[in-house]
N, C-alpha and C. Protein backbone atom coordinates (compact mmCIF):
# COMPACT_ATOMS: atom_id res chain seq x y z
N MET A 1 0.89 -1.19 0.08
CA MET A 1 -0.15 0.03 0.13
C MET A 1 0.95 1.21 -0.17
N SER A 2 1.05 2.14 -0.95
CA SER A 2 1.83 3.04 -1.20
C SER A 2 1.35 4.54 -0.61
N ALA A 3 1.96 5.06 -0.06
CA ALA A 3 1.49 6.47 0.54
C ALA A 3 0.75 7.39 -0.35
N GLN A 4 -0.36 8.03 -0.20
CA GLN A 4 -0.88 9.03 -1.18
C GLN A 4 -0.72 10.30 -0.40
N PRO A 5 -0.39 11.48 -1.15
CA PRO A 5 -0.33 12.85 -0.72
C PRO A 5 -1.68 13.21 -0.03
N PRO A 6 -1.47 13.88 1.19
CA PRO A 6 -2.86 14.28 1.53
C PRO A 6 -3.46 15.56 0.95
N THR A 7 -4.62 16.01 0.91
CA THR A 7 -5.12 16.86 0.17
C THR A 7 -5.09 18.23 1.07
N ALA A 8 -5.27 19.52 0.46
CA ALA A 8 -5.35 20.68 1.39
C ALA A 8 -6.48 20.65 2.42
N ILE A 9 -7.50 19.87 2.32
CA ILE A 9 -8.49 19.81 3.08
C ILE A 9 -8.08 18.82 4.30
N GLU A 10 -7.41 17.84 4.15
CA GLU A 10 -6.74 16.89 5.04
C GLU A 10 -5.88 17.43 5.86
N LEU A 11 -4.69 18.22 5.37
CA LEU A 11 -3.89 19.10 6.00
C LEU A 11 -4.52 20.13 7.09
N GLU A 12 -5.68 20.70 6.63
CA GLU A 12 -6.13 21.91 7.55
C GLU A 12 -6.77 20.96 8.63
N PHE A 13 -7.53 19.57 8.28
CA PHE A 13 -8.24 19.06 9.17
C PHE A 13 -7.28 18.16 10.18
N ALA A 14 -6.15 17.97 9.43
CA ALA A 14 -5.06 17.35 10.50
C ALA A 14 -4.53 18.37 11.65
N ARG A 15 -4.47 19.79 11.10
CA ARG A 15 -4.03 21.04 11.91
C ARG A 15 -4.74 21.03 13.02
N ARG A 16 -6.17 21.39 12.83
CA ARG A 16 -7.06 21.19 13.74
C ARG A 16 -7.23 19.88 14.75
N TYR A 17 -7.11 18.95 14.00
CA TYR A 17 -7.12 17.42 14.82
C TYR A 17 -5.71 17.88 16.02
N ASP A 18 -4.78 17.94 15.15
CA ASP A 18 -3.71 18.20 16.26
C ASP A 18 -3.47 19.03 17.59
N GLN A 19 -4.11 20.24 17.13
CA GLN A 19 -4.17 21.29 18.23
C GLN A 19 -5.36 20.64 19.16
N GLU A 20 -6.29 20.04 18.93
CA GLU A 20 -7.48 19.25 19.85
C GLU A 20 -6.88 18.20 20.70
N HIS A 21 -6.32 17.43 19.98
CA HIS A 21 -5.38 16.44 20.68
C HIS A 21 -4.52 16.81 21.58
N ALA A 22 -3.65 17.92 21.19
CA ALA A 22 -2.56 18.06 22.20
C ALA A 22 -3.47 18.57 23.65
N ARG A 23 -4.50 19.48 23.44
CA ARG A 23 -5.02 20.32 24.54
C ARG A 23 -5.59 18.86 25.45
N ALA A 24 -6.14 17.68 24.51
CA ALA A 24 -6.83 16.64 25.47
C ALA A 24 -6.11 15.92 25.95
N CYS A 25 -4.49 15.94 25.43
CA CYS A 25 -3.44 15.14 26.30
C CYS A 25 -2.80 15.99 27.41
N LEU A 26 -3.01 17.44 27.17
CA LEU A 26 -2.19 18.06 28.07
C LEU A 26 -3.19 18.43 29.43
N GLN A 27 -4.42 18.28 29.10
CA GLN A 27 -5.64 18.53 30.19
C GLN A 27 -6.83 17.54 29.92
N PRO A 28 -6.09 16.16 30.45
CA PRO A 28 -7.19 14.96 30.02
C PRO A 28 -8.67 15.22 30.84
N ARG A 29 -8.62 15.88 31.70
CA ARG A 29 -9.94 16.21 32.54
C ARG A 29 -10.81 17.39 32.26
N ALA A 30 -10.08 18.01 31.09
CA ALA A 30 -11.11 19.11 30.90
C ALA A 30 -12.37 19.16 30.50
N GLN A 31 -12.64 18.13 29.64
CA GLN A 31 -13.80 18.17 29.17
C GLN A 31 -14.92 17.54 30.13
N GLY A 32 -14.54 16.88 31.41
CA GLY A 32 -15.36 16.43 32.42
C GLY A 32 -16.31 15.50 32.13
N LEU A 33 -17.61 15.71 32.77
CA LEU A 33 -18.60 14.56 32.52
C LEU A 33 -19.24 14.51 31.29
N ALA A 34 -19.30 16.01 30.80
CA ALA A 34 -19.78 15.97 29.25
C ALA A 34 -18.97 15.55 28.10
N GLY A 35 -17.86 15.82 28.23
CA GLY A 35 -16.99 15.31 27.46
C GLY A 35 -16.65 13.57 27.67
N ARG A 36 -16.76 12.78 28.68
CA ARG A 36 -16.82 11.24 28.80
C ARG A 36 -18.21 11.05 28.08
N LEU A 37 -19.46 11.74 28.55
CA LEU A 37 -20.92 11.31 27.97
C LEU A 37 -20.59 11.07 26.73
N GLY A 38 -20.23 12.26 25.78
CA GLY A 38 -20.07 12.37 24.80
C GLY A 38 -19.30 11.36 23.94
N PHE A 39 -18.12 10.86 24.26
CA PHE A 39 -17.23 9.82 23.75
C PHE A 39 -18.16 8.59 23.94
N TRP A 40 -18.59 8.41 25.22
CA TRP A 40 -19.71 7.09 25.44
C TRP A 40 -20.76 6.95 24.04
N ARG A 41 -21.41 8.29 24.02
CA ARG A 41 -22.19 8.27 22.93
C ARG A 41 -21.84 8.04 21.57
N GLU A 42 -20.65 8.50 21.40
CA GLU A 42 -20.06 8.15 20.07
C GLU A 42 -19.71 6.87 19.77
N GLU A 43 -19.27 6.14 20.47
CA GLU A 43 -18.68 4.95 20.80
C GLU A 43 -20.02 3.98 20.31
N ARG A 44 -21.26 4.17 21.28
CA ARG A 44 -22.41 3.74 21.01
C ARG A 44 -23.09 3.49 19.67
N LEU A 45 -22.89 4.92 19.08
CA LEU A 45 -23.42 4.90 17.62
C LEU A 45 -22.65 4.39 16.60
N VAL A 46 -21.26 4.10 16.75
CA VAL A 46 -20.28 3.31 16.00
C VAL A 46 -20.93 1.94 16.22
N ARG A 47 -20.96 1.39 17.39
CA ARG A 47 -21.33 -0.08 17.85
C ARG A 47 -22.74 -0.31 17.03
N ASN A 48 -23.71 0.61 17.09
CA ASN A 48 -24.98 0.28 16.52
C ASN A 48 -24.65 0.20 15.01
N ALA A 49 -23.97 1.15 14.38
CA ALA A 49 -23.80 1.09 13.00
C ALA A 49 -22.95 -0.28 12.62
N LEU A 50 -22.13 -0.73 13.32
CA LEU A 50 -21.75 -1.99 12.75
C LEU A 50 -22.67 -3.13 12.55
N LYS A 51 -23.61 -3.01 13.87
CA LYS A 51 -24.61 -4.19 13.91
C LYS A 51 -25.59 -4.01 12.31
N VAL A 52 -25.95 -2.50 11.99
CA VAL A 52 -26.75 -2.46 10.84
C VAL A 52 -25.99 -2.88 9.64
N ALA A 53 -24.66 -2.48 9.79
CA ALA A 53 -23.64 -3.02 8.68
C ALA A 53 -23.70 -4.67 8.48
N GLY A 54 -24.01 -5.24 9.56
CA GLY A 54 -24.01 -6.68 9.54
C GLY A 54 -22.54 -7.28 9.92
N GLU A 55 -21.94 -6.52 10.82
CA GLU A 55 -20.93 -6.92 11.71
C GLU A 55 -19.89 -7.20 10.60
N PRO A 56 -19.18 -6.32 9.57
CA PRO A 56 -18.17 -6.59 8.65
C PRO A 56 -17.12 -7.31 9.29
N GLY A 57 -16.41 -8.04 8.48
CA GLY A 57 -15.28 -8.91 8.98
C GLY A 57 -13.89 -8.06 8.90
N LEU A 58 -13.70 -7.26 7.75
CA LEU A 58 -12.78 -6.42 7.17
C LEU A 58 -13.15 -4.92 7.41
N ILE A 59 -12.43 -3.95 8.13
CA ILE A 59 -12.95 -2.71 8.11
C ILE A 59 -11.79 -1.79 7.55
N LEU A 60 -11.83 -0.66 7.00
CA LEU A 60 -11.12 0.55 6.96
C LEU A 60 -11.61 1.64 7.53
N ASP A 61 -10.80 1.86 8.60
CA ASP A 61 -11.24 3.24 9.40
C ASP A 61 -10.11 4.32 8.60
N VAL A 62 -10.98 5.29 8.26
CA VAL A 62 -10.51 6.31 7.28
C VAL A 62 -10.30 7.55 7.89
N ALA A 63 -8.90 8.37 7.96
CA ALA A 63 -8.71 9.47 8.65
C ALA A 63 -8.84 8.91 10.28
N CYS A 64 -8.20 8.08 10.55
CA CYS A 64 -8.32 7.50 11.91
C CYS A 64 -7.75 8.12 12.93
N GLY A 65 -6.83 9.15 12.62
CA GLY A 65 -6.24 9.94 13.99
C GLY A 65 -5.38 9.02 14.75
N VAL A 66 -5.42 8.95 16.16
CA VAL A 66 -5.19 8.43 17.09
C VAL A 66 -5.76 6.98 17.32
N GLY A 67 -6.86 6.85 16.60
CA GLY A 67 -7.63 5.30 16.81
C GLY A 67 -8.62 5.48 17.89
N ARG A 68 -9.46 6.64 17.88
CA ARG A 68 -10.24 6.70 18.67
C ARG A 68 -11.38 5.87 18.89
N PHE A 69 -11.59 5.02 17.53
CA PHE A 69 -12.87 3.91 17.84
C PHE A 69 -12.38 2.75 17.50
N TRP A 70 -10.81 2.32 17.72
CA TRP A 70 -10.28 1.11 17.36
C TRP A 70 -10.81 0.02 18.64
N SER A 71 -10.98 0.57 19.66
CA SER A 71 -11.55 -0.42 20.75
C SER A 71 -12.87 -1.16 20.33
N VAL A 72 -13.87 -0.21 19.88
CA VAL A 72 -15.00 -0.65 19.44
C VAL A 72 -14.98 -1.42 18.12
N LEU A 73 -14.24 -1.16 17.18
CA LEU A 73 -14.02 -1.79 15.74
C LEU A 73 -13.35 -3.41 16.39
N ALA A 74 -12.74 -3.30 17.27
CA ALA A 74 -12.06 -4.42 17.55
C ALA A 74 -12.79 -5.44 18.63
N GLU A 75 -13.76 -5.08 19.04
CA GLU A 75 -14.81 -5.96 19.68
C GLU A 75 -15.24 -7.14 19.32
N HIS A 76 -15.12 -7.62 18.08
CA HIS A 76 -15.27 -8.80 17.38
C HIS A 76 -13.83 -9.23 17.47
N ALA A 77 -13.71 -10.56 17.85
CA ALA A 77 -12.43 -10.97 17.77
C ALA A 77 -11.83 -11.26 16.16
N ASN A 78 -12.75 -11.91 15.46
CA ASN A 78 -12.42 -12.28 14.08
C ASN A 78 -12.31 -11.05 13.12
N ARG A 79 -12.73 -9.74 13.54
CA ARG A 79 -12.47 -8.75 12.63
C ARG A 79 -10.90 -8.35 12.59
N VAL A 80 -10.68 -7.81 11.03
CA VAL A 80 -9.49 -7.40 10.52
C VAL A 80 -9.61 -5.95 10.44
N ILE A 81 -8.80 -5.16 11.09
CA ILE A 81 -8.94 -3.67 11.01
C ILE A 81 -7.83 -2.92 10.00
N LEU A 82 -8.24 -2.33 8.90
CA LEU A 82 -7.15 -1.41 8.31
C LEU A 82 -7.31 0.03 8.86
N ALA A 83 -6.34 0.79 9.11
CA ALA A 83 -6.43 2.26 9.59
C ALA A 83 -5.63 2.96 8.66
N ALA A 84 -6.01 4.06 8.00
CA ALA A 84 -5.22 4.75 7.22
C ALA A 84 -5.40 6.25 7.74
N ASP A 85 -4.60 7.06 7.61
CA ASP A 85 -4.68 8.37 7.91
C ASP A 85 -3.41 9.11 6.94
N PRO A 86 -3.53 10.40 6.83
CA PRO A 86 -2.73 11.08 5.94
C PRO A 86 -1.23 11.58 6.69
N SER A 87 -1.36 11.42 7.90
CA SER A 87 -0.20 11.69 8.79
C SER A 87 0.44 10.63 9.66
N GLN A 88 1.76 10.48 8.96
CA GLN A 88 2.53 9.20 9.71
C GLN A 88 2.72 9.47 11.03
N ASP A 89 3.19 10.76 11.13
CA ASP A 89 3.15 11.13 12.72
C ASP A 89 2.00 11.03 13.78
N ILE A 90 0.92 11.01 13.19
CA ILE A 90 -0.21 10.70 13.91
C ILE A 90 -0.50 9.05 14.33
N LEU A 91 -0.23 8.51 12.96
CA LEU A 91 -0.22 6.84 13.05
C LEU A 91 0.77 6.37 13.91
N ASP A 92 2.20 6.89 14.13
CA ASP A 92 3.07 6.46 15.08
C ASP A 92 2.52 7.05 16.59
N HIS A 93 2.01 8.17 16.65
CA HIS A 93 1.67 8.68 18.00
C HIS A 93 0.39 7.67 18.47
N ALA A 94 -0.29 7.44 17.34
CA ALA A 94 -1.37 6.34 17.86
C ALA A 94 -0.86 5.23 18.72
N ARG A 95 0.39 4.56 18.58
CA ARG A 95 0.73 3.40 18.88
C ARG A 95 1.04 3.56 20.36
N THR A 96 1.14 4.66 20.88
CA THR A 96 1.25 5.22 22.45
C THR A 96 0.08 5.32 23.15
N HIS A 97 -1.28 4.97 22.36
CA HIS A 97 -2.56 5.30 23.00
C HIS A 97 -3.03 4.14 23.54
N HIS A 98 -2.55 2.99 22.77
CA HIS A 98 -3.43 1.53 22.85
C HIS A 98 -2.72 0.31 23.23
N PRO A 99 -3.03 -0.50 24.03
CA PRO A 99 -2.25 -1.54 24.37
C PRO A 99 -2.09 -2.51 23.40
N GLN A 100 -0.88 -3.18 23.46
CA GLN A 100 -0.37 -3.95 22.36
C GLN A 100 -1.46 -5.20 21.98
N SER A 101 -2.09 -5.59 23.05
CA SER A 101 -3.24 -6.81 22.53
C SER A 101 -3.92 -6.13 21.31
N LEU A 102 -4.33 -4.83 21.26
CA LEU A 102 -4.96 -4.07 20.56
C LEU A 102 -4.12 -3.86 19.29
N LEU A 103 -3.17 -3.14 19.16
CA LEU A 103 -2.55 -2.88 18.11
C LEU A 103 -2.13 -4.02 17.11
N LYS A 104 -1.96 -5.25 17.76
CA LYS A 104 -1.75 -6.47 16.97
C LYS A 104 -3.04 -6.65 15.99
N ARG A 105 -3.96 -5.90 16.06
CA ARG A 105 -5.26 -6.37 15.51
C ARG A 105 -5.47 -5.23 14.30
N ILE A 106 -4.61 -4.19 14.47
CA ILE A 106 -4.67 -2.97 13.57
C ILE A 106 -3.47 -2.95 12.52
N ARG A 107 -3.52 -2.95 11.29
CA ARG A 107 -2.70 -2.87 10.31
C ARG A 107 -2.84 -1.28 9.75
N THR A 108 -2.04 -0.45 10.31
CA THR A 108 -1.66 1.15 9.76
C THR A 108 -1.18 1.43 8.72
N PHE A 109 -1.75 2.41 7.63
CA PHE A 109 -0.70 2.68 6.72
C PHE A 109 -1.26 4.47 6.32
N GLN A 110 -0.11 4.95 5.92
CA GLN A 110 -0.50 6.51 5.68
C GLN A 110 -0.92 6.45 4.22
N SER A 111 -2.26 7.29 4.06
CA SER A 111 -2.89 7.49 2.70
C SER A 111 -3.76 8.64 2.78
N SER A 112 -4.13 9.24 1.83
CA SER A 112 -4.80 10.50 1.81
C SER A 112 -6.64 9.46 1.74
N ALA A 113 -7.33 10.08 2.48
CA ALA A 113 -8.69 9.55 1.95
C ALA A 113 -9.39 9.93 0.60
N PHE A 114 -8.81 10.61 0.04
CA PHE A 114 -9.41 10.89 -1.11
C PHE A 114 -8.63 9.92 -2.55
N ASN A 115 -7.51 9.51 -1.98
CA ASN A 115 -7.22 8.44 -2.96
C ASN A 115 -6.39 7.36 -2.24
N ILE A 116 -7.25 6.47 -1.47
CA ILE A 116 -6.86 5.38 -0.76
C ILE A 116 -5.97 4.47 -1.34
N GLY A 117 -5.00 4.10 -1.02
CA GLY A 117 -3.80 3.27 -1.34
C GLY A 117 -4.05 1.88 -1.50
N LEU A 118 -5.51 1.29 -1.66
CA LEU A 118 -5.98 -0.02 -1.78
C LEU A 118 -6.74 -0.07 -3.17
N PRO A 119 -6.80 -1.34 -3.57
CA PRO A 119 -7.51 -1.78 -4.88
C PRO A 119 -9.13 -1.70 -4.67
N GLU A 120 -9.94 -1.72 -5.78
CA GLU A 120 -11.05 -1.79 -5.60
C GLU A 120 -11.88 -2.71 -4.61
N ASN A 121 -13.06 -2.65 -4.33
CA ASN A 121 -13.66 -3.65 -3.28
C ASN A 121 -12.59 -4.46 -2.70
N ALA A 122 -11.75 -3.63 -2.05
CA ALA A 122 -10.71 -4.08 -0.79
C ALA A 122 -11.02 -4.55 0.43
N VAL A 123 -12.47 -3.84 0.88
CA VAL A 123 -12.74 -4.17 2.36
C VAL A 123 -14.30 -4.19 2.35
N ASP A 124 -14.66 -4.76 3.32
CA ASP A 124 -16.07 -5.00 3.61
C ASP A 124 -17.13 -3.71 3.93
N CYS A 125 -16.26 -2.92 4.54
CA CYS A 125 -16.63 -1.57 5.37
C CYS A 125 -15.92 -0.57 5.58
N ILE A 126 -15.94 0.60 5.16
CA ILE A 126 -15.53 1.78 5.56
C ILE A 126 -16.06 2.62 6.87
N CYS A 127 -15.47 2.86 7.60
CA CYS A 127 -15.89 3.98 8.53
C CYS A 127 -14.73 5.24 8.75
N CYS A 128 -15.76 6.23 8.60
CA CYS A 128 -15.20 7.82 8.59
C CYS A 128 -16.20 8.49 9.55
N MET A 129 -15.44 8.64 10.63
CA MET A 129 -16.16 9.37 11.72
C MET A 129 -15.68 10.60 11.68
N HIS A 130 -14.80 11.32 11.26
CA HIS A 130 -14.24 12.47 11.72
C HIS A 130 -14.10 13.26 10.43
N LEU A 131 -13.53 13.07 9.69
CA LEU A 131 -13.20 13.68 8.28
C LEU A 131 -14.17 14.29 7.34
N PHE A 132 -15.21 13.40 7.28
CA PHE A 132 -16.47 13.44 6.25
C PHE A 132 -17.14 14.88 6.98
N GLN A 133 -17.35 15.03 8.04
CA GLN A 133 -18.16 15.96 8.91
C GLN A 133 -17.21 17.43 8.76
N HIS A 134 -16.24 17.28 8.46
CA HIS A 134 -15.29 18.53 8.35
C HIS A 134 -15.27 19.37 6.69
N ILE A 135 -15.84 18.72 5.86
CA ILE A 135 -15.80 18.89 4.70
C ILE A 135 -17.07 19.74 4.24
N ALA A 136 -16.87 20.99 3.65
CA ALA A 136 -18.12 21.98 3.73
C ALA A 136 -18.59 21.86 1.98
N CYS A 137 -17.85 21.51 1.33
CA CYS A 137 -17.82 21.78 -0.06
C CYS A 137 -18.59 20.17 -0.64
N SER A 138 -19.62 20.56 -1.24
CA SER A 138 -20.25 19.41 -1.84
C SER A 138 -19.49 18.61 -2.68
N GLU A 139 -18.57 19.35 -3.33
CA GLU A 139 -18.09 18.74 -4.78
C GLU A 139 -16.66 17.59 -4.09
N HIS A 140 -16.29 18.32 -2.91
CA HIS A 140 -15.21 17.71 -2.18
C HIS A 140 -15.92 16.12 -1.30
N ARG A 141 -17.12 16.58 -0.89
CA ARG A 141 -17.77 15.30 -0.35
C ARG A 141 -18.16 14.18 -1.27
N LEU A 142 -18.47 14.56 -2.52
CA LEU A 142 -18.70 13.67 -3.63
C LEU A 142 -17.27 12.73 -4.12
N VAL A 143 -16.34 13.55 -4.19
CA VAL A 143 -14.93 12.91 -4.34
C VAL A 143 -14.87 11.97 -3.41
N LEU A 144 -14.85 12.31 -2.15
CA LEU A 144 -14.75 11.26 -0.96
C LEU A 144 -15.69 9.93 -0.97
N LEU A 145 -17.05 10.21 -1.17
CA LEU A 145 -17.86 9.31 -1.35
C LEU A 145 -17.35 8.31 -2.59
N ARG A 146 -17.11 8.90 -3.63
CA ARG A 146 -16.63 8.10 -4.72
C ARG A 146 -15.60 7.03 -4.48
N GLU A 147 -14.70 7.85 -3.87
CA GLU A 147 -13.45 6.79 -3.62
C GLU A 147 -13.98 5.74 -2.68
N PHE A 148 -14.68 6.13 -1.53
CA PHE A 148 -15.26 4.96 -0.44
C PHE A 148 -16.01 3.93 -1.26
N HIS A 149 -16.79 4.60 -2.25
CA HIS A 149 -17.60 3.29 -3.30
C HIS A 149 -16.30 2.63 -3.94
N ARG A 150 -15.30 3.25 -4.52
CA ARG A 150 -14.24 2.23 -5.49
C ARG A 150 -13.72 1.24 -4.34
N VAL A 151 -13.34 1.72 -3.20
CA VAL A 151 -12.45 0.80 -2.19
C VAL A 151 -13.53 -0.31 -1.50
N GLY A 152 -14.70 0.26 -0.94
CA GLY A 152 -15.44 -0.59 -0.07
C GLY A 152 -16.42 -1.47 -1.08
N ARG A 153 -16.80 -2.75 -0.65
CA ARG A 153 -17.48 -3.94 -1.54
C ARG A 153 -19.00 -3.98 -0.88
N ASP A 154 -19.29 -3.20 0.39
CA ASP A 154 -20.45 -3.40 0.79
C ASP A 154 -21.12 -1.97 1.36
N THR A 155 -20.39 -1.62 2.87
CA THR A 155 -21.00 -0.69 3.49
C THR A 155 -19.99 0.39 3.63
N VAL A 156 -20.50 1.42 4.01
CA VAL A 156 -19.96 2.79 4.60
C VAL A 156 -20.51 3.24 5.90
N ILE A 157 -19.78 3.70 7.18
CA ILE A 157 -19.96 4.39 8.06
C ILE A 157 -19.75 5.81 8.13
N VAL A 158 -20.50 6.75 8.06
CA VAL A 158 -20.14 8.14 7.80
C VAL A 158 -20.74 9.39 8.80
N ALA A 159 -20.23 9.88 9.61
CA ALA A 159 -20.66 10.98 10.41
C ALA A 159 -20.92 12.39 9.60
N VAL A 160 -22.03 13.02 9.78
CA VAL A 160 -22.39 14.22 9.06
C VAL A 160 -22.97 15.08 10.07
N ARG A 161 -22.45 16.34 9.91
CA ARG A 161 -23.24 17.45 10.68
C ARG A 161 -24.53 18.15 9.85
N VAL A 162 -25.63 17.83 10.44
CA VAL A 162 -27.07 17.98 9.52
C VAL A 162 -27.47 19.23 10.12
N SER A 163 -27.99 20.05 9.27
CA SER A 163 -28.43 21.36 9.82
C SER A 163 -29.94 21.20 10.01
N GLY A 164 -30.52 22.28 10.90
CA GLY A 164 -31.94 22.30 11.07
C GLY A 164 -32.28 20.99 12.23
N ARG A 165 -31.56 20.57 12.92
CA ARG A 165 -31.98 19.35 13.70
C ARG A 165 -31.51 19.53 15.15
N PHE A 166 -31.23 20.67 15.46
CA PHE A 166 -30.72 20.90 16.93
C PHE A 166 -31.12 22.52 17.12
N LYS A 167 -31.02 22.63 18.72
CA LYS A 167 -31.34 24.38 19.16
C LYS A 167 -30.03 24.89 19.25
N GLY A 168 -28.85 24.01 19.31
CA GLY A 168 -27.68 24.87 19.47
C GLY A 168 -26.41 24.07 20.16
N HIS A 169 -25.28 24.48 19.99
CA HIS A 169 -24.41 23.48 20.30
C HIS A 169 -23.20 24.58 20.76
N PRO A 170 -22.35 24.34 21.80
CA PRO A 170 -21.40 25.00 22.22
C PRO A 170 -20.17 25.06 21.52
N THR A 171 -19.43 26.18 21.03
CA THR A 171 -18.29 25.95 20.43
C THR A 171 -17.36 27.45 20.47
N ASP A 172 -16.53 27.33 20.04
CA ASP A 172 -15.54 28.23 20.28
C ASP A 172 -15.28 28.93 19.08
N GLU A 173 -15.89 28.63 17.91
CA GLU A 173 -15.60 28.68 16.58
C GLU A 173 -16.84 28.77 15.59
N GLU A 174 -18.16 29.56 16.14
CA GLU A 174 -19.42 29.30 15.64
C GLU A 174 -19.15 29.59 14.25
N GLY A 175 -18.68 30.48 13.61
CA GLY A 175 -18.59 30.51 12.32
C GLY A 175 -18.37 29.39 11.56
N LEU A 176 -17.15 28.71 12.00
CA LEU A 176 -16.69 27.68 11.21
C LEU A 176 -17.62 26.20 11.32
N ALA A 177 -18.26 26.22 12.69
CA ALA A 177 -19.29 25.11 12.72
C ALA A 177 -20.54 25.35 11.96
N ALA A 178 -20.92 26.55 11.66
CA ALA A 178 -22.02 26.79 10.77
C ALA A 178 -21.73 26.10 9.44
N ARG A 179 -20.76 26.63 9.13
CA ARG A 179 -20.16 26.45 7.59
C ARG A 179 -20.16 24.96 7.29
N LEU A 180 -19.82 24.19 8.35
CA LEU A 180 -19.73 22.73 8.28
C LEU A 180 -21.04 22.02 8.29
N LEU A 181 -22.27 22.73 8.37
CA LEU A 181 -23.58 22.30 8.33
C LEU A 181 -23.97 21.95 6.95
N VAL A 182 -24.82 20.76 6.75
CA VAL A 182 -25.25 20.60 5.58
C VAL A 182 -26.68 19.99 5.71
N SER A 183 -27.49 20.11 4.83
CA SER A 183 -29.01 20.22 4.79
C SER A 183 -29.03 18.71 4.68
N LYS A 184 -29.76 18.01 4.89
CA LYS A 184 -30.26 16.43 5.09
C LYS A 184 -30.45 16.03 3.59
N ALA A 185 -31.50 16.95 2.65
CA ALA A 185 -31.65 16.69 1.50
C ALA A 185 -30.52 16.65 0.64
N GLU A 186 -29.37 17.45 1.00
CA GLU A 186 -28.20 17.49 0.32
C GLU A 186 -27.40 16.48 0.26
N VAL A 187 -27.02 16.29 1.64
CA VAL A 187 -26.00 14.95 1.75
C VAL A 187 -26.82 13.51 1.20
N GLU A 188 -28.11 13.56 1.58
CA GLU A 188 -28.75 12.37 1.32
C GLU A 188 -28.75 12.09 -0.35
N ALA A 189 -28.85 13.45 -1.02
CA ALA A 189 -28.84 13.36 -2.48
C ALA A 189 -27.30 13.33 -2.83
N GLU A 190 -26.23 13.44 -2.28
CA GLU A 190 -25.11 13.26 -2.80
C GLU A 190 -24.68 11.35 -2.38
N PHE A 191 -25.13 10.93 -1.22
CA PHE A 191 -24.98 9.60 -1.26
C PHE A 191 -25.68 9.04 -2.59
N LYS A 192 -26.74 9.20 -2.81
CA LYS A 192 -27.25 8.40 -3.91
C LYS A 192 -26.50 8.79 -5.39
N GLN A 193 -26.12 10.07 -5.71
CA GLN A 193 -25.66 10.30 -6.71
C GLN A 193 -23.90 9.61 -6.59
N ALA A 194 -23.50 9.09 -5.58
CA ALA A 194 -22.14 8.56 -5.49
C ALA A 194 -22.37 6.86 -5.59
N GLY A 195 -23.64 6.30 -5.67
CA GLY A 195 -23.75 5.36 -5.78
C GLY A 195 -24.21 4.48 -4.44
N PHE A 196 -24.65 5.31 -3.51
CA PHE A 196 -25.22 4.39 -2.24
C PHE A 196 -26.64 4.36 -1.92
N CYS A 197 -27.25 3.57 -1.08
CA CYS A 197 -28.33 3.79 -0.54
C CYS A 197 -28.03 3.83 0.94
N ILE A 198 -29.25 4.50 1.41
CA ILE A 198 -29.24 4.36 3.03
C ILE A 198 -29.77 3.37 3.69
N LEU A 199 -29.11 2.64 4.40
CA LEU A 199 -29.64 1.50 5.55
C LEU A 199 -30.36 2.21 6.73
N SER A 200 -29.22 3.34 7.13
CA SER A 200 -29.99 3.59 8.52
C SER A 200 -29.58 5.12 9.14
N HIS A 201 -29.77 5.63 9.90
CA HIS A 201 -29.34 6.96 10.39
C HIS A 201 -29.53 6.98 12.01
N GLN A 202 -28.59 7.47 12.70
CA GLN A 202 -28.73 7.63 14.09
C GLN A 202 -28.35 9.42 14.33
N ASP A 203 -29.00 9.98 15.27
CA ASP A 203 -28.56 11.27 15.69
C ASP A 203 -27.78 11.02 17.12
N PHE A 204 -26.78 11.99 16.95
CA PHE A 204 -26.00 11.79 18.47
C PHE A 204 -26.90 12.11 19.46
N LEU A 205 -27.54 13.40 19.26
CA LEU A 205 -28.63 13.78 20.70
C LEU A 205 -29.66 14.46 19.88
N PRO A 206 -30.54 13.87 19.67
CA PRO A 206 -31.86 14.44 18.57
C PRO A 206 -32.20 15.93 19.16
N GLY A 207 -32.28 16.68 18.58
CA GLY A 207 -32.70 17.85 18.77
C GLY A 207 -31.76 19.21 19.31
N PHE A 208 -30.73 18.35 20.06
CA PHE A 208 -29.60 19.25 20.48
C PHE A 208 -28.31 19.04 19.55
N ALA A 209 -27.95 18.31 19.04
CA ALA A 209 -26.55 18.31 18.37
C ALA A 209 -26.87 17.92 17.09
N PRO A 210 -26.02 18.32 16.23
CA PRO A 210 -25.84 18.27 14.69
C PRO A 210 -25.54 16.85 14.04
N MET A 211 -24.69 16.30 14.74
CA MET A 211 -24.00 15.07 14.18
C MET A 211 -24.67 13.66 14.12
N ARG A 212 -24.91 13.45 13.19
CA ARG A 212 -25.88 12.41 12.69
C ARG A 212 -24.84 11.04 11.66
N VAL A 213 -25.05 10.13 12.08
CA VAL A 213 -24.24 8.78 11.69
C VAL A 213 -25.25 7.95 10.74
N TYR A 214 -24.77 7.87 9.93
CA TYR A 214 -25.24 7.49 8.46
C TYR A 214 -24.89 5.81 8.33
N VAL A 215 -25.57 4.94 7.97
CA VAL A 215 -24.97 3.55 7.39
C VAL A 215 -25.35 3.52 6.02
N LEU A 216 -24.46 3.59 4.93
CA LEU A 216 -24.89 3.25 3.52
C LEU A 216 -24.18 1.98 2.82
N ARG A 217 -25.02 1.64 1.86
CA ARG A 217 -24.64 0.41 1.07
C ARG A 217 -24.66 0.72 -0.31
N LYS A 218 -23.65 0.10 -1.02
CA LYS A 218 -23.39 0.28 -2.54
C LYS A 218 -24.69 -0.38 -3.21
N ALA A 219 -25.32 0.62 -3.76
CA ALA A 219 -26.32 0.40 -4.46
C ALA A 219 -26.34 -0.62 -5.74
N GLY A 220 -27.35 -1.70 -5.94
CA GLY A 220 -27.13 -2.56 -7.33
C GLY A 220 -26.19 -3.57 -6.90
């Protein structure tokens, strides 16, 4: 698997991710109970999505960062997990966050999510919980979805920030947060255009938070 250069979108996402991760490492208790509950909820959404996807055996975690969801992905002992990120430094750092028993289950490789270094139909399921929801441009989301369609042979788990479904969410960068919101109709049309049908969706916190997790299946 040859490394593919990251795009400008991924570089900006990686910059913001590095800043947020550094703050978390320096202040592990900063988010308090709310942060821990949010993490628990995200894990539950991924766990439920995997069930809808049929408990796939070979999963690719795209833009995996330090492997926030690896422990959930590895809950089935017979599951094989590939993990790709545009930053080799982040992948190396991930090895300091997890026990060796888990790391033995994960095969990491450096790759752009927009040009994944895998052949067609290489994995059963693709999981993208962070990068996709940070892409504001429809054209860029379609490029990403079409690459997922090429590499995956069955399902995709993807998180989206859907507009019009929440009363508000606290943020220090409200302008950026607003730009990242996408209408339900728009993103679901993009799924169809890229060759997917929707199996299910789950909201992070209905009525209060914008994040929604979709499970998609290759149509036809």
